């Protein structure tokens, strides 16, 4: 067992390369399912997941928790580079 945030089906730490592989695979499947969104999907990069994690953590817990998650020393760094202050919308199904 591991204390890692992301684990594989066997409970072991998910490596960066395995996570990247799954991300690329999901993006390819999405392009097949939604060809009209191909340009948007190509603009969505792996690094966007980090900002999404920061936003979700801030919304569910607090800014300091997001800062801790990303390993920043200052909340100001996280605010400046990761928090998105756009309009909140309901997710699509």
C-alpha atoms as a PDB file:
ATOM      1  CA  UNK A   1       0.000   0.000   0.000  1.00  0.00           C
ATOM      2  CA  UNK A   2       1.071   3.588  -0.636  1.00  0.00           C
ATOM      3  CA  UNK A   3       0.102   7.020   0.556  1.00  0.00           C
ATOM      4  CA  UNK A   4       0.190   8.319  -3.043  1.00  0.00           C
ATOM      5  CA  UNK A   5      -2.734  10.390  -4.259  1.00  0.00           C
ATOM      6  CA  UNK A   6      -2.919   8.534  -7.573  1.00  0.00           C
ATOM      7  CA  UNK A   7      -2.647   4.764  -7.649  1.00  0.00           C
ATOM      8  CA  UNK A   8      -3.055   2.060 -10.272  1.00  0.00           C
ATOM      9  CA  UNK A   9      -5.437  -0.902 -10.108  1.00  0.00           C
ATOM     10  CA  UNK A  10      -2.965  -2.731  -7.865  1.00  0.00           C
ATOM     11  CA  UNK A  11      -2.773   0.094  -5.313  1.00  0.00           C
ATOM     12  CA  UNK A  12       0.731   1.131  -6.341  1.00  0.00           C
ATOM     13  CA  UNK A  13       1.831   4.700  -7.053  1.00  0.00           C
ATOM     14  CA  UNK A  14       0.833   5.808 -10.538  1.00  0.00           C
ATOM     15  CA  UNK A  15       3.972   6.880 -12.344  1.00  0.00           C
ATOM     16  CA  UNK A  16       4.193  10.075 -14.360  1.00  0.00           C
ATOM     17  CA  UNK A  17       4.609   8.103 -17.585  1.00  0.00           C
ATOM     18  CA  UNK A  18       1.575   5.921 -16.841  1.00  0.00           C
ATOM     19  CA  UNK A  19      -0.532   8.976 -16.059  1.00  0.00           C
ATOM     20  CA  UNK A  20       0.668  10.672 -19.235  1.00  0.00           C
ATOM     21  CA  UNK A  21      -0.170   7.574 -21.271  1.00  0.00           C
ATOM     22  CA  UNK A  22      -3.717   7.492 -19.852  1.00  0.00           C
ATOM     23  CA  UNK A  23      -4.159  11.223 -20.503  1.00  0.00           C
ATOM     24  CA  UNK A  24      -3.063  10.889 -24.140  1.00  0.00           C
ATOM     25  CA  UNK A  25      -5.276   7.836 -24.612  1.00  0.00           C
ATOM     26  CA  UNK A  26      -8.312   9.655 -23.195  1.00  0.00           C
ATOM     27  CA  UNK A  27      -7.672  12.670 -25.410  1.00  0.00           C
ATOM     28  CA  UNK A  28      -7.493  10.443 -28.520  1.00  0.00           C
ATOM     29  CA  UNK A  29     -10.754   8.703 -27.578  1.00  0.00           C
ATOM     30  CA  UNK A  30     -12.401  12.083 -26.992  1.00  0.00           C
ATOM     31  CA  UNK A  31     -11.312  13.268 -30.460  1.00  0.00           C
ATOM     32  CA  UNK A  32     -12.995  10.212 -32.004  1.00  0.00           C
ATOM     33  CA  UNK A  33     -16.177  10.713 -29.983  1.00  0.00           C
ATOM     34  CA  UNK A  34     -16.269  14.503 -30.509  1.00  0.00           C
ATOM     35  CA  UNK A  35     -14.552  15.340 -33.792  1.00  0.00           C
ATOM     36  CA  UNK A  36     -16.066  18.838 -33.726  1.00  0.00           C
ATOM     37  CA  UNK A  37     -14.075  19.547 -30.540  1.00  0.00           C
ATOM     38  CA  UNK A  38     -10.716  18.382 -31.905  1.00  0.00           C
ATOM     39  CA  UNK A  39      -9.129  21.858 -31.806  1.00  0.00           C
ATOM     40  CA  UNK A  40     -10.227  22.394 -28.191  1.00  0.00           C
ATOM     41  CA  UNK A  41      -8.931  18.964 -27.238  1.00  0.00           C
ATOM     42  CA  UNK A  42      -5.555  19.680 -28.814  1.00  0.00           C
ATOM     43  CA  UNK A  43      -5.321  22.893 -26.758  1.00  0.00           C
ATOM     44  CA  UNK A  44      -6.037  20.974 -23.535  1.00  0.00           C
ATOM     45  CA  UNK A  45      -2.639  19.956 -22.220  1.00  0.00           C
ATOM     46  CA  UNK A  46      -1.485  17.661 -19.459  1.00  0.00           C
ATOM     47  CA  UNK A  47      -0.465  20.645 -17.319  1.00  0.00           C
ATOM     48  CA  UNK A  48      -4.099  21.853 -17.246  1.00  0.00           C
ATOM     49  CA  UNK A  49      -4.819  19.003 -14.846  1.00  0.00           C
ATOM     50  CA  UNK A  50      -2.630  20.707 -12.225  1.00  0.00           C
ATOM     51  CA  UNK A  51      -4.689  23.907 -12.424  1.00  0.00           C
ATOM     52  CA  UNK A  52      -7.895  21.879 -12.239  1.00  0.00           C
ATOM     53  CA  UNK A  53      -6.659  20.099  -9.116  1.00  0.00           C
ATOM     54  CA  UNK A  54      -5.764  23.451  -7.535  1.00  0.00           C
ATOM     55  CA  UNK A  55      -9.178  24.947  -8.315  1.00  0.00           C
ATOM     56  CA  UNK A  56     -11.087  21.905  -7.067  1.00  0.00           C
ATOM     57  CA  UNK A  57      -9.076  21.756  -3.860  1.00  0.00           C
ATOM     58  CA  UNK A  58      -9.585  25.478  -3.249  1.00  0.00           C
ATOM     59  CA  UNK A  59     -13.341  25.136  -3.837  1.00  0.00           C
ATOM     60  CA  UNK A  60     -13.738  22.077  -1.602  1.00  0.00           C
ATOM     61  CA  UNK A  61     -11.284  22.955   1.139  1.00  0.00           C
ATOM     62  CA  UNK A  62      -9.407  26.251   1.081  1.00  0.00           C
ATOM     63  CA  UNK A  63      -6.623  28.085  -0.701  1.00  0.00           C
ATOM     64  CA  UNK A  64      -3.950  26.879   1.726  1.00  0.00           C
ATOM     65  CA  UNK A  65      -4.881  23.240   1.012  1.00  0.00           C
ATOM     66  CA  UNK A  66      -4.403  23.851  -2.715  1.00  0.00           C
ATOM     67  CA  UNK A  67      -1.068  25.529  -2.048  1.00  0.00           C
ATOM     68  CA  UNK A  68       0.031  22.548   0.038  1.00  0.00           C
ATOM     69  CA  UNK A  69      -1.114  20.126  -2.668  1.00  0.00           C
ATOM     70  CA  UNK A  70       0.989  21.886  -5.298  1.00  0.00           C
ATOM     71  CA  UNK A  71       3.985  22.211  -2.997  1.00  0.00           C
ATOM     72  CA  UNK A  72       4.163  25.986  -3.062  1.00  0.00           C
ATOM     73  CA  UNK A  73       5.581  27.992  -0.172  1.00  0.00           C
ATOM     74  CA  UNK A  74       3.150  30.854  -0.677  1.00  0.00           C
ATOM     75  CA  UNK A  75      -0.586  31.047  -1.330  1.00  0.00           C
ATOM     76  CA  UNK A  76       0.178  34.079  -3.510  1.00  0.00           C
ATOM     77  CA  UNK A  77       2.150  31.868  -5.909  1.00  0.00           C
ATOM     78  CA  UNK A  78      -0.788  29.490  -6.246  1.00  0.00           C
ATOM     79  CA  UNK A  79      -3.225  32.381  -6.687  1.00  0.00           C
ATOM     80  CA  UNK A  80      -1.114  34.013  -9.364  1.00  0.00           C
ATOM     81  CA  UNK A  81      -0.431  30.917 -11.453  1.00  0.00           C
ATOM     82  CA  UNK A  82      -3.250  28.438 -10.885  1.00  0.00           C
ATOM     83  CA  UNK A  83      -6.532  29.764  -9.544  1.00  0.00           C
ATOM     84  CA  UNK A  84      -8.999  30.607 -12.257  1.00  0.00           C
ATOM     85  CA  UNK A  85     -11.534  33.216 -11.357  1.00  0.00           C
ATOM     86  CA  UNK A  86     -13.958  32.653 -14.201  1.00  0.00           C
ATOM     87  CA  UNK A  87     -17.687  32.174 -14.080  1.00  0.00           C
ATOM     88  CA  UNK A  88     -18.827  28.970 -12.379  1.00  0.00           C
ATOM     89  CA  UNK A  89     -20.985  26.745 -14.597  1.00  0.00           C
ATOM     90  CA  UNK A  90     -22.615  23.372 -14.160  1.00  0.00           C
ATOM     91  CA  UNK A  91     -20.674  20.468 -15.741  1.00  0.00           C
ATOM     92  CA  UNK A  92     -22.165  18.843 -18.804  1.00  0.00           C
ATOM     93  CA  UNK A  93     -23.289  15.244 -18.729  1.00  0.00           C
END
